[in-house]
Amino acid sequence: MKNYFATIVLLLALMFSFQSCYVNRTTIGDGPVGKSGDKVQYSKTKQVYLFWGGIAVGQGQPATPTAPHYQVKTSFNFWDGVISALTGGIVSTRSVKIYTKNDK
């Protein structure tokens, strides 16, 4: 029994430590590139999935700027991992954020 518990704890620790692998950034037009500090969060939303990502529940549509110059970042953050772990993957979420350039 102790061996199973240790294995589960180890797997959860590994799952939470590799979260950076679940980040996708897409730049539209002349939007911010990469992790640069010259960007401002424009909007955010959550996308919800059932059965290990097989079925999308609704479509989380964040507001996008009128000018076609922005960055879309989708990620699987800590709280998304907690939800997925607690439900065994039956319910999972992903965070979607829209960034624009910081016009100072």
PDB file of N, CA and C in Angstrom:
ATOM      1  N   MET A   1       0.826  -1.199   0.000  1.00  0.00           N
ATOM      2  CA  MET A   1       0.000   0.000   0.000  1.00  0.00           C
ATOM      3  C   MET A   1       0.866   1.257   0.000  1.00  0.00           C
ATOM      4  N   LYS A   2       1.927   1.241   0.809  1.00  0.00           N
ATOM      5  CA  LYS A   2       2.810   2.401   0.865  1.00  0.00           C
ATOM      6  C   LYS A   2       3.504   2.615  -0.483  1.00  0.00           C
ATOM      7  N   ASN A   3       3.788   1.514  -1.167  1.00  0.00           N
ATOM      8  CA  ASN A   3       4.448   1.609  -2.460  1.00  0.00           C
ATOM      9  C   ASN A   3       3.560   2.293  -3.491  1.00  0.00           C
ATOM     10  N   TYR A   4       2.263   1.993  -3.494  1.00  0.00           N
ATOM     11  CA  TYR A   4       1.327   2.642  -4.414  1.00  0.00           C
ATOM     12  C   TYR A   4       1.206   4.129  -4.116  1.00  0.00           C
ATOM     13  N   PHE A   5       1.134   4.476  -2.833  1.00  0.00           N
ATOM     14  CA  PHE A   5       1.019   5.878  -2.442  1.00  0.00           C
ATOM     15  C   PHE A   5       2.254   6.658  -2.895  1.00  0.00           C
ATOM     16  N   ALA A   6       3.433   6.096  -2.686  1.00  0.00           N
ATOM     17  CA  ALA A   6       4.674   6.763  -3.090  1.00  0.00           C
ATOM     18  C   ALA A   6       4.720   6.932  -4.609  1.00  0.00           C
ATOM     19  N   THR A   7       4.260   5.939  -5.336  1.00  0.00           N
ATOM     20  CA  THR A   7       4.245   6.021  -6.794  1.00  0.00           C
ATOM     21  C   THR A   7       3.291   7.103  -7.273  1.00  0.00           C
ATOM     22  N   ILE A   8       2.121   7.190  -6.661  1.00  0.00           N
ATOM     23  CA  ILE A   8       1.148   8.217  -7.041  1.00  0.00           C
ATOM     24  C   ILE A   8       1.690   9.607  -6.741  1.00  0.00           C
ATOM     25  N   VAL A   9       2.290   9.783  -5.589  1.00  0.00           N
ATOM     26  CA  VAL A   9       2.863  11.087  -5.233  1.00  0.00           C
ATOM     27  C   VAL A   9       3.977  11.457  -6.210  1.00  0.00           C
ATOM     28  N   LEU A  10       4.815  10.499  -6.568  1.00  0.00           N
ATOM     29  CA  LEU A  10       5.886  10.759  -7.522  1.00  0.00           C
ATOM     30  C   LEU A  10       5.341  11.145  -8.894  1.00  0.00           C
ATOM     31  N   LEU A  11       4.325  10.437  -9.360  1.00  0.00           N
ATOM     32  CA  LEU A  11       3.724  10.764 -10.656  1.00  0.00           C
ATOM     33  C   LEU A  11       3.071  12.140 -10.655  1.00  0.00           C
ATOM     34  N   LEU A  12       2.387  12.488  -9.566  1.00  0.00           N
ATOM     35  CA  LEU A  12       1.784  13.825  -9.472  1.00  0.00           C
ATOM     36  C   LEU A  12       2.851  14.910  -9.458  1.00  0.00           C
ATOM     37  N   ALA A  13       3.937  14.667  -8.728  1.00  0.00           N
ATOM     38  CA  ALA A  13       5.030  15.645  -8.692  1.00  0.00           C
ATOM     39  C   ALA A  13       5.634  15.828 -10.075  1.00  0.00           C
ATOM     40  N   LEU A  14       5.819  14.740 -10.815  1.00  0.00           N
ATOM     41  CA  LEU A  14       6.342  14.840 -12.173  1.00  0.00           C
ATOM     42  C   LEU A  14       5.375  15.577 -13.090  1.00  0.00           C
ATOM     43  N   MET A  15       4.079  15.287 -12.948  1.00  0.00           N
ATOM     44  CA  MET A  15       3.079  15.940 -13.787  1.00  0.00           C
ATOM     45  C   MET A  15       3.091  17.454 -13.575  1.00  0.00           C
ATOM     46  N   PHE A  16       3.185  17.892 -12.322  1.00  0.00           N
ATOM     47  CA  PHE A  16       3.173  19.326 -12.046  1.00  0.00           C
ATOM     48  C   PHE A  16       4.502  19.993 -12.392  1.00  0.00           C
ATOM     49  N   SER A  17       5.588  19.236 -12.420  1.00  0.00           N
ATOM     50  CA  SER A  17       6.879  19.841 -12.735  1.00  0.00           C
ATOM     51  C   SER A  17       7.084  20.037 -14.236  1.00  0.00           C
ATOM     52  N   PHE A  18       6.348  19.330 -15.091  1.00  0.00           N
ATOM     53  CA  PHE A  18       6.500  19.453 -16.532  1.00  0.00           C
ATOM     54  C   PHE A  18       5.416  20.316 -17.162  1.00  0.00           C
ATOM     55  N   GLN A  19       4.856  21.249 -16.424  1.00  0.00           N
ATOM     56  CA  GLN A  19       3.778  22.073 -16.951  1.00  0.00           C
ATOM     57  C   GLN A  19       4.226  22.982 -18.076  1.00  0.00           C
ATOM     58  N   SER A  20       5.473  23.363 -18.095  1.00  0.00           N
ATOM     59  CA  SER A  20       5.920  24.284 -19.140  1.00  0.00           C
ATOM     60  C   SER A  20       5.806  23.657 -20.524  1.00  0.00           C
ATOM     61  N   CYS A  21       5.692  22.353 -20.594  1.00  0.00           N
ATOM     62  CA  CYS A  21       5.536  21.686 -21.884  1.00  0.00           C
ATOM     63  C   CYS A  21       4.148  21.923 -22.471  1.00  0.00           C
ATOM     64  N   TYR A  22       3.232  22.424 -21.679  1.00  0.00           N
ATOM     65  CA  TYR A  22       1.854  22.593 -22.114  1.00  0.00           C
ATOM     66  C   TYR A  22       1.538  24.035 -22.502  1.00  0.00           C
ATOM     67  N   VAL A  23       2.532  24.818 -22.894  1.00  0.00           N
ATOM     68  CA  VAL A  23       2.315  26.221 -23.259  1.00  0.00           C
ATOM     69  C   VAL A  23       2.465  26.375 -24.770  1.00  0.00           C
ATOM     70  N   ASN A  24       1.505  27.075 -25.373  1.00  0.00           N
ATOM     71  CA  ASN A  24       1.560  27.354 -26.804  1.00  0.00           C
ATOM     72  C   ASN A  24       1.298  28.837 -27.011  1.00  0.00           C
ATOM     73  N   ARG A  25       2.220  29.498 -27.694  1.00  0.00           N
ATOM     74  CA  ARG A  25       2.058  30.920 -28.004  1.00  0.00           C
ATOM     75  C   ARG A  25       1.954  31.087 -29.515  1.00  0.00           C
ATOM     76  N   THR A  26       0.942  31.835 -29.962  1.00  0.00           N
ATOM     77  CA  THR A  26       0.755  32.118 -31.379  1.00  0.00           C
ATOM     78  C   THR A  26       0.653  33.623 -31.560  1.00  0.00           C
ATOM     79  N   THR A  27       1.541  34.177 -32.361  1.00  0.00           N
ATOM     80  CA  THR A  27       1.535  35.617 -32.607  1.00  0.00           C
ATOM     81  C   THR A  27       0.773  35.903 -33.891  1.00  0.00           C
ATOM     82  N   ILE A  28      -0.168  36.835 -33.805  1.00  0.00           N
ATOM     83  CA  ILE A  28      -0.981  37.245 -34.942  1.00  0.00           C
ATOM     84  C   ILE A  28      -0.500  38.632 -35.375  1.00  0.00           C
ATOM     85  N   GLY A  29      -0.173  38.768 -36.641  1.00  0.00           N
ATOM     86  CA  GLY A  29       0.277  40.059 -37.158  1.00  0.00           C
ATOM     87  C   GLY A  29       1.583  40.493 -36.526  1.00  0.00           C
ATOM     88  N   ASP A  30       1.643  41.742 -36.087  1.00  0.00           N
ATOM     89  CA  ASP A  30       2.843  42.315 -35.485  1.00  0.00           C
ATOM     90  C   ASP A  30       2.685  42.363 -33.963  1.00  0.00           C
ATOM     91  N   GLY A  31       2.132  41.307 -33.396  1.00  0.00           N
ATOM     92  CA  GLY A  31       1.911  41.253 -31.953  1.00  0.00           C
ATOM     93  C   GLY A  31       3.184  40.949 -31.193  1.00  0.00           C
ATOM     94  N   PRO A  32       3.089  40.885 -29.864  1.00  0.00           N
ATOM     95  CA  PRO A  32       4.266  40.568 -29.059  1.00  0.00           C
ATOM     96  C   PRO A  32       4.792  39.170 -29.391  1.00  0.00           C
ATOM     97  N   VAL A  33       6.091  38.988 -29.273  1.00  0.00           N
ATOM     98  CA  VAL A  33       6.710  37.718 -29.624  1.00  0.00           C
ATOM     99  C   VAL A  33       7.311  37.085 -28.373  1.00  0.00           C
ATOM    100  N   GLY A  34       7.046  35.806 -28.173  1.00  0.00           N
ATOM    101  CA  GLY A  34       7.644  35.055 -27.067  1.00  0.00           C
ATOM    102  C   GLY A  34       7.201  35.543 -25.711  1.00  0.00           C
ATOM    103  N   LYS A  35       8.141  35.466 -24.758  1.00  0.00           N
ATOM    104  CA  LYS A  35       7.848  35.845 -23.372  1.00  0.00           C
ATOM    105  C   LYS A  35       8.251  37.287 -23.081  1.00  0.00           C
ATOM    106  N   SER A  36       8.417  38.108 -24.096  1.00  0.00           N
ATOM    107  CA  SER A  36       8.917  39.467 -23.924  1.00  0.00           C
ATOM    108  C   SER A  36       8.083  40.255 -22.921  1.00  0.00           C
ATOM    109  N   GLY A  37       8.709  41.172 -22.247  1.00  0.00           N
ATOM    110  CA  GLY A  37       8.043  41.943 -21.205  1.00  0.00           C
ATOM    111  C   GLY A  37       7.249  43.133 -21.709  1.00  0.00           C
ATOM    112  N   ASP A  38       7.219  43.358 -23.010  1.00  0.00           N
ATOM    113  CA  ASP A  38       6.521  44.522 -23.554  1.00  0.00           C
ATOM    114  C   ASP A  38       5.094  44.195 -23.969  1.00  0.00           C
ATOM    115  N   LYS A  39       4.410  43.379 -23.172  1.00  0.00           N
ATOM    116  CA  LYS A  39       3.032  43.016 -23.517  1.00  0.00           C
ATOM    117  C   LYS A  39       2.103  43.221 -22.334  1.00  0.00           C
ATOM    118  N   VAL A  40       0.817  43.403 -22.661  1.00  0.00           N
ATOM    119  CA  VAL A  40      -0.232  43.625 -21.666  1.00  0.00           C
ATOM    120  C   VAL A  40      -1.340  42.608 -21.913  1.00  0.00           C
ATOM    121  N   GLN A  41      -1.862  42.035 -20.827  1.00  0.00           N
ATOM    122  CA  GLN A  41      -2.954  41.074 -20.987  1.00  0.00           C
ATOM    123  C   GLN A  41      -4.224  41.805 -21.399  1.00  0.00           C
ATOM    124  N   TYR A  42      -4.818  41.389 -22.491  1.00  0.00           N
ATOM    125  CA  TYR A  42      -6.020  42.024 -23.030  1.00  0.00           C
ATOM    126  C   TYR A  42      -7.279  41.315 -22.530  1.00  0.00           C
ATOM    127  N   SER A  43      -7.301  39.982 -22.565  1.00  0.00           N
ATOM    128  CA  SER A  43      -8.439  39.216 -22.061  1.00  0.00           C
ATOM    129  C   SER A  43      -7.994  37.795 -21.739  1.00  0.00           C
ATOM    130  N   LYS A  44      -8.865  37.047 -21.045  1.00  0.00           N
ATOM    131  CA  LYS A  44      -8.554  35.660 -20.712  1.00  0.00           C
ATOM    132  C   LYS A  44      -9.840  34.862 -20.569  1.00  0.00           C
ATOM    133  N   THR A  45      -9.718  33.553 -20.687  1.00  0.00           N
ATOM    134  CA  THR A  45     -10.853  32.657 -20.519  1.00  0.00           C
ATOM    135  C   THR A  45     -10.339  31.253 -20.222  1.00  0.00           C
ATOM    136  N   LYS A  46     -11.236  30.346 -19.943  1.00  0.00           N
ATOM    137  CA  LYS A  46     -10.905  28.931 -19.722  1.00  0.00           C
ATOM    138  C   LYS A  46     -11.629  28.094 -20.761  1.00  0.00           C
ATOM    139  N   GLN A  47     -10.972  27.059 -21.242  1.00  0.00           N
ATOM    140  CA  GLN A  47     -11.605  26.081 -22.102  1.00  0.00           C
ATOM    141  C   GLN A  47     -11.755  24.805 -21.285  1.00  0.00           C
ATOM    142  N   VAL A  48     -12.937  24.195 -21.315  1.00  0.00           N
ATOM    143  CA  VAL A  48     -13.226  23.008 -20.523  1.00  0.00           C
ATOM    144  C   VAL A  48     -13.386  21.813 -21.441  1.00  0.00           C
ATOM    145  N   TYR A  49     -12.786  20.707 -21.039  1.00  0.00           N
ATOM    146  CA  TYR A  49     -12.841  19.471 -21.819  1.00  0.00           C
ATOM    147  C   TYR A  49     -13.297  18.312 -20.934  1.00  0.00           C
ATOM    148  N   LEU A  50     -13.941  17.331 -21.531  1.00  0.00           N
ATOM    149  CA  LEU A  50     -14.352  16.116 -20.844  1.00  0.00           C
ATOM    150  C   LEU A  50     -13.600  14.927 -21.415  1.00  0.00           C
ATOM    151  N   PHE A  51     -13.471  13.910 -20.619  1.00  0.00           N
ATOM    152  CA  PHE A  51     -12.896  12.629 -21.029  1.00  0.00           C
ATOM    153  C   PHE A  51     -11.525  12.791 -21.679  1.00  0.00           C
ATOM    154  N   TRP A  52     -10.586  13.334 -20.897  1.00  0.00           N
ATOM    155  CA  TRP A  52      -9.187  13.451 -21.274  1.00  0.00           C
ATOM    156  C   TRP A  52      -8.983  14.285 -22.539  1.00  0.00           C
ATOM    157  N   GLY A  53      -9.808  15.301 -22.711  1.00  0.00           N
ATOM    158  CA  GLY A  53      -9.681  16.212 -23.843  1.00  0.00           C
ATOM    159  C   GLY A  53     -10.424  15.774 -25.084  1.00  0.00           C
ATOM    160  N   GLY A  54     -11.203  14.712 -24.995  1.00  0.00           N
ATOM    161  CA  GLY A  54     -11.906  14.193 -26.161  1.00  0.00           C
ATOM    162  C   GLY A  54     -13.107  15.007 -26.580  1.00  0.00           C
ATOM    163  N   ILE A  55     -13.770  15.655 -25.617  1.00  0.00           N
ATOM    164  CA  ILE A  55     -14.974  16.425 -25.924  1.00  0.00           C
ATOM    165  C   ILE A  55     -14.821  17.833 -25.350  1.00  0.00           C
ATOM    166  N   ALA A  56     -14.928  18.841 -26.194  1.00  0.00           N
ATOM    167  CA  ALA A  56     -14.882  20.227 -25.733  1.00  0.00           C
ATOM    168  C   ALA A  56     -16.267  20.631 -25.244  1.00  0.00           C
ATOM    169  N   VAL A  57     -16.323  21.239 -24.062  1.00  0.00           N
ATOM    170  CA  VAL A  57     -17.589  21.712 -23.498  1.00  0.00           C
ATOM    171  C   VAL A  57     -17.639  23.215 -23.731  1.00  0.00           C
ATOM    172  N   GLY A  58     -18.445  23.629 -24.682  1.00  0.00           N
ATOM    173  CA  GLY A  58     -18.493  25.051 -25.023  1.00  0.00           C
ATOM    174  C   GLY A  58     -17.172  25.472 -25.653  1.00  0.00           C
ATOM    175  N   GLN A  59     -17.098  26.662 -26.078  1.00  0.00           N
ATOM    176  CA  GLN A  59     -15.867  27.197 -26.646  1.00  0.00           C
ATOM    177  C   GLN A  59     -15.526  28.475 -25.916  1.00  0.00           C
ATOM    178  N   GLY A  60     -14.491  28.433 -25.104  1.00  0.00           N
ATOM    179  CA  GLY A  60     -14.040  29.631 -24.412  1.00  0.00           C
ATOM    180  C   GLY A  60     -13.488  30.620 -25.415  1.00  0.00           C
ATOM    181  N   GLN A  61     -14.217  31.678 -25.696  1.00  0.00           N
ATOM    182  CA  GLN A  61     -13.812  32.667 -26.695  1.00  0.00           C
ATOM    183  C   GLN A  61     -13.399  33.960 -25.995  1.00  0.00           C
ATOM    184  N   PRO A  62     -12.097  34.189 -25.844  1.00  0.00           N
ATOM    185  CA  PRO A  62     -11.674  35.457 -25.248  1.00  0.00           C
ATOM    186  C   PRO A  62     -11.886  36.608 -26.236  1.00  0.00           C
ATOM    187  N   ALA A  63     -12.063  37.795 -25.710  1.00  0.00           N
ATOM    188  CA  ALA A  63     -12.205  38.978 -26.567  1.00  0.00           C
ATOM    189  C   ALA A  63     -10.872  39.240 -27.252  1.00  0.00           C
ATOM    190  N   THR A  64     -10.924  39.545 -28.532  1.00  0.00           N
ATOM    191  CA  THR A  64      -9.701  39.857 -29.272  1.00  0.00           C
ATOM    192  C   THR A  64      -9.711  41.315 -29.688  1.00  0.00           C
ATOM    193  N   PRO A  65      -8.530  41.927 -29.782  1.00  0.00           N
ATOM    194  CA  PRO A  65      -8.465  43.328 -30.194  1.00  0.00           C
ATOM    195  C   PRO A  65      -8.924  43.503 -31.639  1.00  0.00           C
ATOM    196  N   THR A  66      -9.361  44.707 -31.964  1.00  0.00           N
ATOM    197  CA  THR A  66      -9.813  44.972 -33.331  1.00  0.00           C
ATOM    198  C   THR A  66      -8.638  44.974 -34.303  1.00  0.00           C
ATOM    199  N   ALA A  67      -7.486  45.480 -33.864  1.00  0.00           N
ATOM    200  CA  ALA A  67      -6.292  45.459 -34.719  1.00  0.00           C
ATOM    201  C   ALA A  67      -5.706  44.047 -34.696  1.00  0.00           C
ATOM    202  N   PRO A  68      -5.331  43.525 -35.847  1.00  0.00           N
ATOM    203  CA  PRO A  68      -4.829  42.142 -35.894  1.00  0.00           C
ATOM    204  C   PRO A  68      -3.373  42.015 -35.457  1.00  0.00           C
ATOM    205  N   HIS A  69      -3.055  42.535 -34.278  1.00  0.00           N
ATOM    206  CA  HIS A  69      -1.687  42.472 -33.764  1.00  0.00           C
ATOM    207  C   HIS A  69      -1.758  42.055 -32.300  1.00  0.00           C
ATOM    208  N   TYR A  70      -1.727  40.744 -32.059  1.00  0.00           N
ATOM    209  CA  TYR A  70      -1.814  40.243 -30.688  1.00  0.00           C
ATOM    210  C   TYR A  70      -1.185  38.868 -30.600  1.00  0.00           C
ATOM    211  N   GLN A  71      -1.106  38.357 -29.379  1.00  0.00           N
ATOM    212  CA  GLN A  71      -0.551  37.029 -29.130  1.00  0.00           C
ATOM    213  C   GLN A  71      -1.574  36.208 -28.352  1.00  0.00           C
ATOM    214  N   VAL A  72      -1.771  34.951 -28.753  1.00  0.00           N
ATOM    215  CA  VAL A  72      -2.660  34.034 -28.060  1.00  0.00           C
ATOM    216  C   VAL A  72      -1.789  33.029 -27.310  1.00  0.00           C
ATOM    217  N   LYS A  73      -1.990  32.935 -26.011  1.00  0.00           N
ATOM    218  CA  LYS A  73      -1.221  31.989 -25.192  1.00  0.00           C
ATOM    219  C   LYS A  73      -2.190  30.999 -24.570  1.00  0.00           C
ATOM    220  N   THR A  74      -2.030  29.720 -24.885  1.00  0.00           N
ATOM    221  CA  THR A  74      -2.824  28.685 -24.228  1.00  0.00           C
ATOM    222  C   THR A  74      -1.877  27.899 -23.337  1.00  0.00           C
ATOM    223  N   SER A  75      -2.336  27.613 -22.133  1.00  0.00           N
ATOM    224  CA  SER A  75      -1.459  26.927 -21.188  1.00  0.00           C
ATOM    225  C   SER A  75      -2.252  26.024 -20.266  1.00  0.00           C
ATOM    226  N   PHE A  76      -1.551  25.094 -19.697  1.00  0.00           N
ATOM    227  CA  PHE A  76      -2.082  24.163 -18.707  1.00  0.00           C
ATOM    228  C   PHE A  76      -1.373  24.535 -17.420  1.00  0.00           C
ATOM    229  N   ASN A  77      -1.991  25.417 -16.588  1.00  0.00           N
ATOM    230  CA  ASN A  77      -1.310  25.912 -15.401  1.00  0.00           C
ATOM    231  C   ASN A  77      -1.579  25.021 -14.183  1.00  0.00           C
ATOM    232  N   PHE A  78      -1.120  25.450 -13.018  1.00  0.00           N
ATOM    233  CA  PHE A  78      -1.218  24.660 -11.800  1.00  0.00           C
ATOM    234  C   PHE A  78      -2.655  24.288 -11.475  1.00  0.00           C
ATOM    235  N   TRP A  79      -3.569  25.253 -11.518  1.00  0.00           N
ATOM    236  CA  TRP A  79      -4.964  24.978 -11.152  1.00  0.00           C
ATOM    237  C   TRP A  79      -5.650  24.084 -12.174  1.00  0.00           C
ATOM    238  N   ASP A  80      -5.268  24.209 -13.430  1.00  0.00           N
ATOM    239  CA  ASP A  80      -5.781  23.289 -14.441  1.00  0.00           C
ATOM    240  C   ASP A  80      -5.333  21.865 -14.126  1.00  0.00           C
ATOM    241  N   GLY A  81      -4.091  21.738 -13.666  1.00  0.00           N
ATOM    242  CA  GLY A  81      -3.571  20.435 -13.278  1.00  0.00           C
ATOM    243  C   GLY A  81      -4.272  19.862 -12.064  1.00  0.00           C
ATOM    244  N   VAL A  82      -4.602  20.735 -11.104  1.00  0.00           N
ATOM    245  CA  VAL A  82      -5.324  20.277  -9.902  1.00  0.00           C
ATOM    246  C   VAL A  82      -6.701  19.744 -10.289  1.00  0.00           C
ATOM    247  N   ILE A  83      -7.411  20.472 -11.138  1.00  0.00           N
ATOM    248  CA  ILE A  83      -8.744  20.026 -11.575  1.00  0.00           C
ATOM    249  C   ILE A  83      -8.649  18.690 -12.291  1.00  0.00           C
ATOM    250  N   SER A  84      -7.689  18.580 -13.182  1.00  0.00           N
ATOM    251  CA  SER A  84      -7.517  17.336 -13.931  1.00  0.00           C
ATOM    252  C   SER A  84      -7.140  16.175 -13.014  1.00  0.00           C
ATOM    253  N   ALA A  85      -6.266  16.432 -12.052  1.00  0.00           N
ATOM    254  CA  ALA A  85      -5.832  15.372 -11.136  1.00  0.00           C
ATOM    255  C   ALA A  85      -6.975  14.924 -10.223  1.00  0.00           C
ATOM    256  N   LEU A  86      -7.750  15.870  -9.717  1.00  0.00           N
ATOM    257  CA  LEU A  86      -8.846  15.521  -8.809  1.00  0.00           C
ATOM    258  C   LEU A  86      -9.956  14.735  -9.496  1.00  0.00           C
ATOM    259  N   THR A  87     -10.152  14.979 -10.774  1.00  0.00           N
ATOM    260  CA  THR A  87     -11.214  14.275 -11.506  1.00  0.00           C
ATOM    261  C   THR A  87     -10.677  13.105 -12.328  1.00  0.00           C
ATOM    262  N   GLY A  88      -9.383  12.832 -12.222  1.00  0.00           N
ATOM    263  CA  GLY A  88      -8.797  11.738 -12.982  1.00  0.00           C
ATOM    264  C   GLY A  88      -8.776  11.997 -14.473  1.00  0.00           C
ATOM    265  N   GLY A  89      -8.831  13.256 -14.869  1.00  0.00           N
ATOM    266  CA  GLY A  89      -8.806  13.607 -16.279  1.00  0.00           C
ATOM    267  C   GLY A  89     -10.169  13.636 -16.940  1.00  0.00           C
ATOM    268  N   ILE A  90     -11.202  13.246 -16.211  1.00  0.00           N
ATOM    269  CA  ILE A  90     -12.545  13.260 -16.799  1.00  0.00           C
ATOM    270  C   ILE A  90     -12.948  14.686 -17.141  1.00  0.00           C
ATOM    271  N   VAL A  91     -12.590  15.639 -16.279  1.00  0.00           N
ATOM    272  CA  VAL A  91     -12.798  17.062 -16.556  1.00  0.00           C
ATOM    273  C   VAL A  91     -11.428  17.716 -16.538  1.00  0.00           C
ATOM    274  N   SER A  92     -11.099  18.470 -17.566  1.00  0.00           N
ATOM    275  CA  SER A  92      -9.842  19.200 -17.588  1.00  0.00           C
ATOM    276  C   SER A  92     -10.071  20.573 -18.210  1.00  0.00           C
ATOM    277  N   THR A  93      -9.206  21.501 -17.868  1.00  0.00           N
ATOM    278  CA  THR A  93      -9.322  22.869 -18.375  1.00  0.00           C
ATOM    279  C   THR A  93      -7.979  23.324 -18.927  1.00  0.00           C
ATOM    280  N   ARG A  94      -8.039  24.336 -19.774  1.00  0.00           N
ATOM    281  CA  ARG A  94      -6.853  25.030 -20.285  1.00  0.00           C
ATOM    282  C   ARG A  94      -7.127  26.526 -20.209  1.00  0.00           C
ATOM    283  N   SER A  95      -6.104  27.280 -19.883  1.00  0.00           N
ATOM    284  CA  SER A  95      -6.216  28.728 -19.805  1.00  0.00           C
ATOM    285  C   SER A  95      -5.827  29.343 -21.145  1.00  0.00           C
ATOM    286  N   VAL A  96      -6.606  30.324 -21.585  1.00  0.00           N
ATOM    287  CA  VAL A  96      -6.317  31.047 -22.826  1.00  0.00           C
ATOM    288  C   VAL A  96      -6.232  32.531 -22.486  1.00  0.00           C
ATOM    289  N   LYS A  97      -5.113  33.155 -22.857  1.00  0.00           N
ATOM    290  CA  LYS A  97      -4.919  34.581 -22.609  1.00  0.00           C
ATOM    291  C   LYS A  97      -4.535  35.267 -23.912  1.00  0.00           C
ATOM    292  N   ILE A  98      -5.033  36.485 -24.073  1.00  0.00           N
ATOM    293  CA  ILE A  98      -4.710  37.322 -25.241  1.00  0.00           C
ATOM    294  C   ILE A  98      -3.844  38.479 -24.752  1.00  0.00           C
ATOM    295  N   TYR A  99      -2.709  38.690 -25.411  1.00  0.00           N
ATOM    296  CA  TYR A  99      -1.796  39.776 -25.071  1.00  0.00           C
ATOM    297  C   TYR A  99      -1.657  40.717 -26.246  1.00  0.00           C
ATOM    298  N   THR A 100      -1.504  42.014 -25.935  1.00  0.00           N
ATOM    299  CA  THR A 100      -1.188  43.020 -26.942  1.00  0.00           C
ATOM    300  C   THR A 100       0.098  43.700 -26.542  1.00  0.00           C
ATOM    301  N   LYS A 101       0.691  44.441 -27.467  1.00  0.00           N
ATOM    302  CA  LYS A 101       1.925  45.171 -27.151  1.00  0.00           C
ATOM    303  C   LYS A 101       1.622  46.303 -26.188  1.00  0.00           C
ATOM    304  N   ASN A 102       2.563  46.548 -25.308  1.00  0.00           N
ATOM    305  CA  ASN A 102       2.452  47.638 -24.349  1.00  0.00           C
ATOM    306  C   ASN A 102       2.820  48.946 -25.039  1.00  0.00           C
ATOM    307  N   ASP A 103       1.823  49.780 -25.303  1.00  0.00           N
ATOM    308  CA  ASP A 103       2.079  51.077 -25.964  1.00  0.00           C
ATOM    309  C   ASP A 103       2.272  52.135 -24.913  1.00  0.00           C
ATOM    310  N   LYS A 104       3.518  52.402 -24.598  1.00  0.00           N
ATOM    311  CA  LYS A 104       3.829  53.403 -23.562  1.00  0.00           C
ATOM    312  C   LYS A 104       3.904  54.783 -24.137  1.00  0.00           C
TER     313      LYS A 104
END
